[in-house]
Amino acid sequence: FKSAISQEVRVESLLPIVPMDTDAESVGDFIYEPSKPELLDRLLPMYVEVEVFRGLLESVASEHGARMTAMDSATNNASDMIDRLTLQYNRARQAAITTELMEIIGGAEALKG
């Protein structure tokens, strides 16, 4: 999910984990307790769970963005339709008033003459 206006599809690979490119000197030589394999066994399921949850959240955010955009477009279309219908109504009302005035004037002229 990028934004409500712009969405881009991404495909991300969760497994296997690709190690970051780091210098051996910057990483250092640490002692891990528990051991690195045990630590990986504990953290890997959590990592996968968090990444899947993040994907679901981005999917929901993307859906909400698409709905918001669709509703904004529908609102604009409805406003345009209301404006057109109001104009048609006013023209029809004005035509009816003009017709009634012509009938009144015609009747008054007939009584005079």
N, C-alpha and C. Protein backbone atom coordinates (compact mmCIF):
# COMPACT_ATOMS: atom_id res chain seq x y z
N PHE A 1 0.85 -1.18 0.00
CA PHE A 1 0.00 0.00 0.00
C PHE A 1 0.88 1.23 0.00
N LYS A 2 0.68 2.07 -0.98
CA LYS A 2 1.49 3.28 -1.09
C LYS A 2 0.71 4.47 -0.55
N SER A 3 -0.47 4.74 -1.11
CA SER A 3 -1.35 5.80 -0.62
C SER A 3 -2.75 5.53 -1.15
N ALA A 4 -3.73 6.35 -0.71
CA ALA A 4 -5.10 6.15 -1.16
C ALA A 4 -5.23 6.42 -2.66
N ILE A 5 -4.38 7.26 -3.19
CA ILE A 5 -4.45 7.62 -4.60
C ILE A 5 -3.62 6.67 -5.46
N SER A 6 -2.46 6.31 -4.97
CA SER A 6 -1.54 5.48 -5.76
C SER A 6 -1.28 4.16 -5.04
N GLN A 7 -1.56 3.08 -5.74
CA GLN A 7 -1.31 1.77 -5.16
C GLN A 7 -0.41 1.00 -6.12
N GLU A 8 0.54 0.29 -5.57
CA GLU A 8 1.40 -0.53 -6.42
C GLU A 8 1.47 -1.94 -5.85
N VAL A 9 1.47 -2.91 -6.74
CA VAL A 9 1.51 -4.31 -6.34
C VAL A 9 2.97 -4.69 -6.11
N ARG A 10 3.20 -5.37 -4.98
CA ARG A 10 4.55 -5.85 -4.66
C ARG A 10 4.48 -7.33 -4.34
N VAL A 11 5.50 -8.04 -4.73
CA VAL A 11 5.65 -9.45 -4.37
C VAL A 11 6.91 -9.54 -3.53
N GLU A 12 6.74 -10.01 -2.30
CA GLU A 12 7.88 -10.13 -1.40
C GLU A 12 8.04 -11.59 -0.99
N SER A 13 9.26 -12.03 -0.97
CA SER A 13 9.57 -13.39 -0.55
C SER A 13 9.89 -13.39 0.94
N LEU A 14 9.17 -14.20 1.70
CA LEU A 14 9.42 -14.28 3.14
C LEU A 14 10.54 -15.26 3.47
N LEU A 15 10.51 -16.38 2.79
CA LEU A 15 11.52 -17.41 3.05
C LEU A 15 12.13 -17.85 1.75
N PRO A 16 13.34 -18.14 1.64
CA PRO A 16 14.37 -18.08 2.68
C PRO A 16 14.76 -16.63 2.95
N ILE A 17 15.21 -16.37 4.14
CA ILE A 17 15.63 -15.04 4.53
C ILE A 17 16.97 -14.75 3.89
N VAL A 18 17.04 -13.63 3.21
CA VAL A 18 18.29 -13.22 2.56
C VAL A 18 19.04 -12.33 3.53
N PRO A 19 20.26 -12.70 3.90
CA PRO A 19 21.00 -11.87 4.86
C PRO A 19 21.39 -10.53 4.24
N MET A 20 21.42 -9.50 5.09
CA MET A 20 21.82 -8.18 4.64
C MET A 20 23.31 -8.18 4.34
N ASP A 21 23.71 -7.34 3.41
CA ASP A 21 25.13 -7.20 3.11
C ASP A 21 25.76 -6.32 4.18
N THR A 22 26.55 -6.92 5.05
CA THR A 22 27.23 -6.17 6.10
C THR A 22 28.68 -6.61 6.16
N ASP A 23 29.50 -5.73 6.64
CA ASP A 23 30.91 -6.07 6.82
C ASP A 23 31.05 -6.93 8.06
N ALA A 24 31.96 -7.86 8.01
CA ALA A 24 32.19 -8.73 9.16
C ALA A 24 32.68 -7.92 10.35
N GLU A 25 33.39 -6.84 10.08
CA GLU A 25 33.92 -6.02 11.17
C GLU A 25 32.81 -5.25 11.88
N SER A 26 31.80 -4.78 11.12
CA SER A 26 30.74 -3.98 11.74
C SER A 26 29.79 -4.84 12.57
N VAL A 27 29.65 -6.12 12.21
CA VAL A 27 28.76 -7.01 12.96
C VAL A 27 29.36 -7.35 14.31
N GLY A 28 30.60 -7.58 14.35
CA GLY A 28 31.25 -7.95 15.61
C GLY A 28 31.12 -9.43 15.88
N ASP A 29 31.77 -9.87 16.92
CA ASP A 29 31.73 -11.28 17.29
C ASP A 29 31.05 -11.37 18.65
N PHE A 30 29.74 -11.61 18.63
CA PHE A 30 28.97 -11.66 19.86
C PHE A 30 28.72 -13.10 20.27
N ILE A 31 28.51 -13.29 21.54
CA ILE A 31 28.13 -14.60 22.05
C ILE A 31 26.62 -14.55 22.25
N TYR A 32 25.91 -15.49 21.62
CA TYR A 32 24.45 -15.52 21.71
C TYR A 32 24.02 -16.55 22.73
N GLU A 33 23.05 -16.16 23.52
CA GLU A 33 22.50 -17.07 24.52
C GLU A 33 21.00 -17.03 24.36
N PRO A 34 20.27 -17.94 23.92
CA PRO A 34 20.66 -19.28 23.49
C PRO A 34 21.46 -19.21 22.19
N SER A 35 21.82 -20.34 21.68
CA SER A 35 22.68 -20.40 20.49
C SER A 35 21.95 -19.81 19.28
N LYS A 36 22.72 -19.49 18.25
CA LYS A 36 22.13 -18.90 17.04
C LYS A 36 21.04 -19.77 16.42
N PRO A 37 21.25 -21.09 16.29
CA PRO A 37 20.17 -21.92 15.72
C PRO A 37 18.91 -21.92 16.59
N GLU A 38 19.06 -21.98 17.91
CA GLU A 38 17.89 -21.94 18.79
C GLU A 38 17.18 -20.60 18.68
N LEU A 39 17.95 -19.53 18.62
CA LEU A 39 17.38 -18.20 18.49
C LEU A 39 16.61 -18.08 17.18
N LEU A 40 17.18 -18.60 16.11
CA LEU A 40 16.52 -18.57 14.81
C LEU A 40 15.24 -19.40 14.84
N ASP A 41 15.28 -20.56 15.49
CA ASP A 41 14.08 -21.40 15.60
C ASP A 41 12.95 -20.69 16.34
N ARG A 42 13.29 -19.86 17.30
CA ARG A 42 12.27 -19.12 18.06
C ARG A 42 11.77 -17.89 17.30
N LEU A 43 12.69 -17.20 16.64
CA LEU A 43 12.33 -15.94 15.99
C LEU A 43 11.68 -16.11 14.62
N LEU A 44 12.03 -17.17 13.90
CA LEU A 44 11.51 -17.35 12.55
C LEU A 44 9.98 -17.43 12.50
N PRO A 45 9.32 -18.22 13.35
CA PRO A 45 7.85 -18.24 13.31
C PRO A 45 7.24 -16.86 13.61
N MET A 46 7.85 -16.13 14.54
CA MET A 46 7.35 -14.79 14.85
C MET A 46 7.52 -13.85 13.66
N TYR A 47 8.67 -13.97 12.99
CA TYR A 47 8.94 -13.13 11.82
C TYR A 47 7.90 -13.39 10.73
N VAL A 48 7.65 -14.66 10.44
CA VAL A 48 6.68 -15.01 9.40
C VAL A 48 5.29 -14.50 9.78
N GLU A 49 4.91 -14.68 11.04
CA GLU A 49 3.60 -14.22 11.51
C GLU A 49 3.46 -12.71 11.36
N VAL A 50 4.48 -11.97 11.75
CA VAL A 50 4.43 -10.51 11.66
C VAL A 50 4.37 -10.06 10.20
N GLU A 51 5.14 -10.70 9.33
CA GLU A 51 5.14 -10.30 7.92
C GLU A 51 3.80 -10.61 7.25
N VAL A 52 3.19 -11.75 7.58
CA VAL A 52 1.87 -12.07 7.03
C VAL A 52 0.84 -11.08 7.56
N PHE A 53 0.91 -10.75 8.83
CA PHE A 53 -0.01 -9.77 9.41
C PHE A 53 0.17 -8.40 8.75
N ARG A 54 1.42 -8.01 8.49
CA ARG A 54 1.68 -6.74 7.80
C ARG A 54 1.06 -6.75 6.41
N GLY A 55 1.17 -7.87 5.71
CA GLY A 55 0.55 -7.99 4.39
C GLY A 55 -0.96 -7.85 4.46
N LEU A 56 -1.57 -8.46 5.48
CA LEU A 56 -3.02 -8.33 5.65
C LEU A 56 -3.41 -6.89 5.95
N LEU A 57 -2.64 -6.22 6.81
CA LEU A 57 -2.94 -4.82 7.13
C LEU A 57 -2.81 -3.94 5.89
N GLU A 58 -1.78 -4.17 5.10
CA GLU A 58 -1.62 -3.38 3.87
C GLU A 58 -2.76 -3.66 2.90
N SER A 59 -3.22 -4.90 2.86
CA SER A 59 -4.34 -5.25 1.99
C SER A 59 -5.61 -4.52 2.42
N VAL A 60 -5.87 -4.50 3.72
CA VAL A 60 -7.05 -3.80 4.23
C VAL A 60 -6.94 -2.30 3.97
N ALA A 61 -5.76 -1.74 4.20
CA ALA A 61 -5.56 -0.31 3.95
C ALA A 61 -5.77 0.00 2.47
N SER A 62 -5.30 -0.87 1.60
CA SER A 62 -5.48 -0.69 0.16
C SER A 62 -6.95 -0.75 -0.21
N GLU A 63 -7.68 -1.69 0.38
CA GLU A 63 -9.12 -1.80 0.11
C GLU A 63 -9.85 -0.54 0.57
N HIS A 64 -9.52 -0.05 1.75
CA HIS A 64 -10.16 1.17 2.25
C HIS A 64 -9.84 2.36 1.34
N GLY A 65 -8.61 2.43 0.86
CA GLY A 65 -8.24 3.50 -0.06
C GLY A 65 -9.04 3.43 -1.36
N ALA A 66 -9.20 2.22 -1.89
CA ALA A 66 -9.97 2.05 -3.12
C ALA A 66 -11.43 2.40 -2.91
N ARG A 67 -11.99 2.00 -1.76
CA ARG A 67 -13.38 2.34 -1.46
C ARG A 67 -13.55 3.85 -1.31
N MET A 68 -12.59 4.49 -0.64
CA MET A 68 -12.66 5.93 -0.45
C MET A 68 -12.63 6.65 -1.80
N THR A 69 -11.76 6.21 -2.69
CA THR A 69 -11.67 6.81 -4.02
C THR A 69 -12.97 6.59 -4.80
N ALA A 70 -13.53 5.40 -4.72
CA ALA A 70 -14.78 5.10 -5.42
C ALA A 70 -15.93 5.94 -4.88
N MET A 71 -16.00 6.07 -3.55
CA MET A 71 -17.08 6.87 -2.95
C MET A 71 -16.92 8.35 -3.29
N ASP A 72 -15.69 8.84 -3.36
CA ASP A 72 -15.46 10.24 -3.75
C ASP A 72 -15.93 10.47 -5.18
N SER A 73 -15.62 9.53 -6.05
CA SER A 73 -16.06 9.63 -7.44
C SER A 73 -17.59 9.58 -7.53
N ALA A 74 -18.22 8.70 -6.77
CA ALA A 74 -19.68 8.60 -6.77
C ALA A 74 -20.32 9.88 -6.25
N THR A 75 -19.72 10.47 -5.22
CA THR A 75 -20.24 11.73 -4.67
C THR A 75 -20.15 12.84 -5.71
N ASN A 76 -19.02 12.92 -6.41
CA ASN A 76 -18.88 13.94 -7.45
C ASN A 76 -19.88 13.73 -8.58
N ASN A 77 -20.09 12.48 -8.99
CA ASN A 77 -21.06 12.19 -10.04
C ASN A 77 -22.47 12.54 -9.60
N ALA A 78 -22.81 12.25 -8.34
CA ALA A 78 -24.14 12.58 -7.83
C ALA A 78 -24.34 14.10 -7.79
N SER A 79 -23.31 14.84 -7.41
CA SER A 79 -23.41 16.30 -7.38
C SER A 79 -23.64 16.85 -8.79
N ASP A 80 -22.93 16.31 -9.77
CA ASP A 80 -23.12 16.74 -11.16
C ASP A 80 -24.54 16.42 -11.63
N MET A 81 -25.05 15.24 -11.26
CA MET A 81 -26.39 14.85 -11.66
C MET A 81 -27.43 15.77 -11.02
N ILE A 82 -27.24 16.12 -9.76
CA ILE A 82 -28.17 17.03 -9.07
C ILE A 82 -28.17 18.39 -9.76
N ASP A 83 -26.99 18.87 -10.15
CA ASP A 83 -26.91 20.15 -10.85
C ASP A 83 -27.66 20.11 -12.18
N ARG A 84 -27.49 19.03 -12.95
CA ARG A 84 -28.19 18.90 -14.23
C ARG A 84 -29.70 18.81 -14.03
N LEU A 85 -30.14 18.02 -13.05
CA LEU A 85 -31.58 17.88 -12.80
C LEU A 85 -32.19 19.18 -12.30
N THR A 86 -31.46 19.93 -11.49
CA THR A 86 -31.95 21.23 -11.01
C THR A 86 -32.13 22.18 -12.19
N LEU A 87 -31.19 22.18 -13.11
CA LEU A 87 -31.28 23.03 -14.30
C LEU A 87 -32.49 22.63 -15.15
N GLN A 88 -32.70 21.33 -15.35
CA GLN A 88 -33.86 20.86 -16.12
C GLN A 88 -35.16 21.27 -15.43
N TYR A 89 -35.22 21.11 -14.11
CA TYR A 89 -36.42 21.48 -13.36
C TYR A 89 -36.71 22.97 -13.50
N ASN A 90 -35.67 23.80 -13.36
CA ASN A 90 -35.87 25.24 -13.47
C ASN A 90 -36.33 25.64 -14.87
N ARG A 91 -35.79 25.00 -15.90
CA ARG A 91 -36.21 25.29 -17.27
C ARG A 91 -37.67 24.90 -17.49
N ALA A 92 -38.06 23.72 -16.98
CA ALA A 92 -39.45 23.27 -17.13
C ALA A 92 -40.40 24.19 -16.37
N ARG A 93 -40.00 24.61 -15.17
CA ARG A 93 -40.84 25.52 -14.38
C ARG A 93 -40.98 26.86 -15.09
N GLN A 94 -39.89 27.36 -15.63
CA GLN A 94 -39.92 28.64 -16.35
C GLN A 94 -40.80 28.53 -17.60
N ALA A 95 -40.74 27.40 -18.30
CA ALA A 95 -41.58 27.19 -19.48
C ALA A 95 -43.06 27.16 -19.09
N ALA A 96 -43.38 26.52 -17.96
CA ALA A 96 -44.77 26.47 -17.50
C ALA A 96 -45.26 27.87 -17.13
N ILE A 97 -44.42 28.66 -16.47
CA ILE A 97 -44.80 30.03 -16.09
C ILE A 97 -45.02 30.87 -17.35
N THR A 98 -44.14 30.72 -18.32
CA THR A 98 -44.27 31.48 -19.57
C THR A 98 -45.56 31.10 -20.29
N THR A 99 -45.89 29.81 -20.32
CA THR A 99 -47.12 29.35 -20.96
C THR A 99 -48.34 29.94 -20.26
N GLU A 100 -48.36 29.93 -18.93
CA GLU A 100 -49.49 30.49 -18.18
C GLU A 100 -49.63 31.99 -18.44
N LEU A 101 -48.50 32.71 -18.47
CA LEU A 101 -48.56 34.15 -18.74
C LEU A 101 -49.10 34.41 -20.14
N MET A 102 -48.68 33.62 -21.12
CA MET A 102 -49.18 33.79 -22.49
C MET A 102 -50.68 33.54 -22.55
N GLU A 103 -51.17 32.54 -21.80
CA GLU A 103 -52.61 32.27 -21.78
C GLU A 103 -53.36 33.42 -21.13
N ILE A 104 -52.82 33.97 -20.04
CA ILE A 104 -53.48 35.09 -19.36
C ILE A 104 -53.51 36.31 -20.28
N ILE A 105 -52.38 36.60 -20.92
CA ILE A 105 -52.31 37.75 -21.83
C ILE A 105 -53.25 37.54 -23.02
N GLY A 106 -53.28 36.33 -23.55
CA GLY A 106 -54.18 36.02 -24.66
C GLY A 106 -55.64 36.18 -24.25
N GLY A 107 -55.99 35.74 -23.05
CA GLY A 107 -57.37 35.88 -22.56
C GLY A 107 -57.73 37.34 -22.35
N ALA A 108 -56.80 38.14 -21.83
CA ALA A 108 -57.05 39.57 -21.62
C ALA A 108 -57.22 40.28 -22.95
N GLU A 109 -56.43 39.93 -23.94
CA GLU A 109 -56.55 40.53 -25.27
C GLU A 109 -57.89 40.16 -25.90
N ALA A 110 -58.35 38.92 -25.68
CA ALA A 110 -59.63 38.47 -26.24
C ALA A 110 -60.78 39.24 -25.61
N LEU A 111 -60.68 39.56 -24.30
CA LEU A 111 -61.75 40.31 -23.63
C LEU A 111 -61.79 41.76 -24.12
N LYS A 112 -60.65 42.33 -24.46
CA LYS A 112 -60.58 43.71 -24.95
C LYS A 112 -61.21 43.84 -26.34
N GLY A 113 -60.91 42.92 -27.12
CA GLY A 113 -61.22 43.11 -28.51
C GLY A 113 -62.42 42.49 -29.00
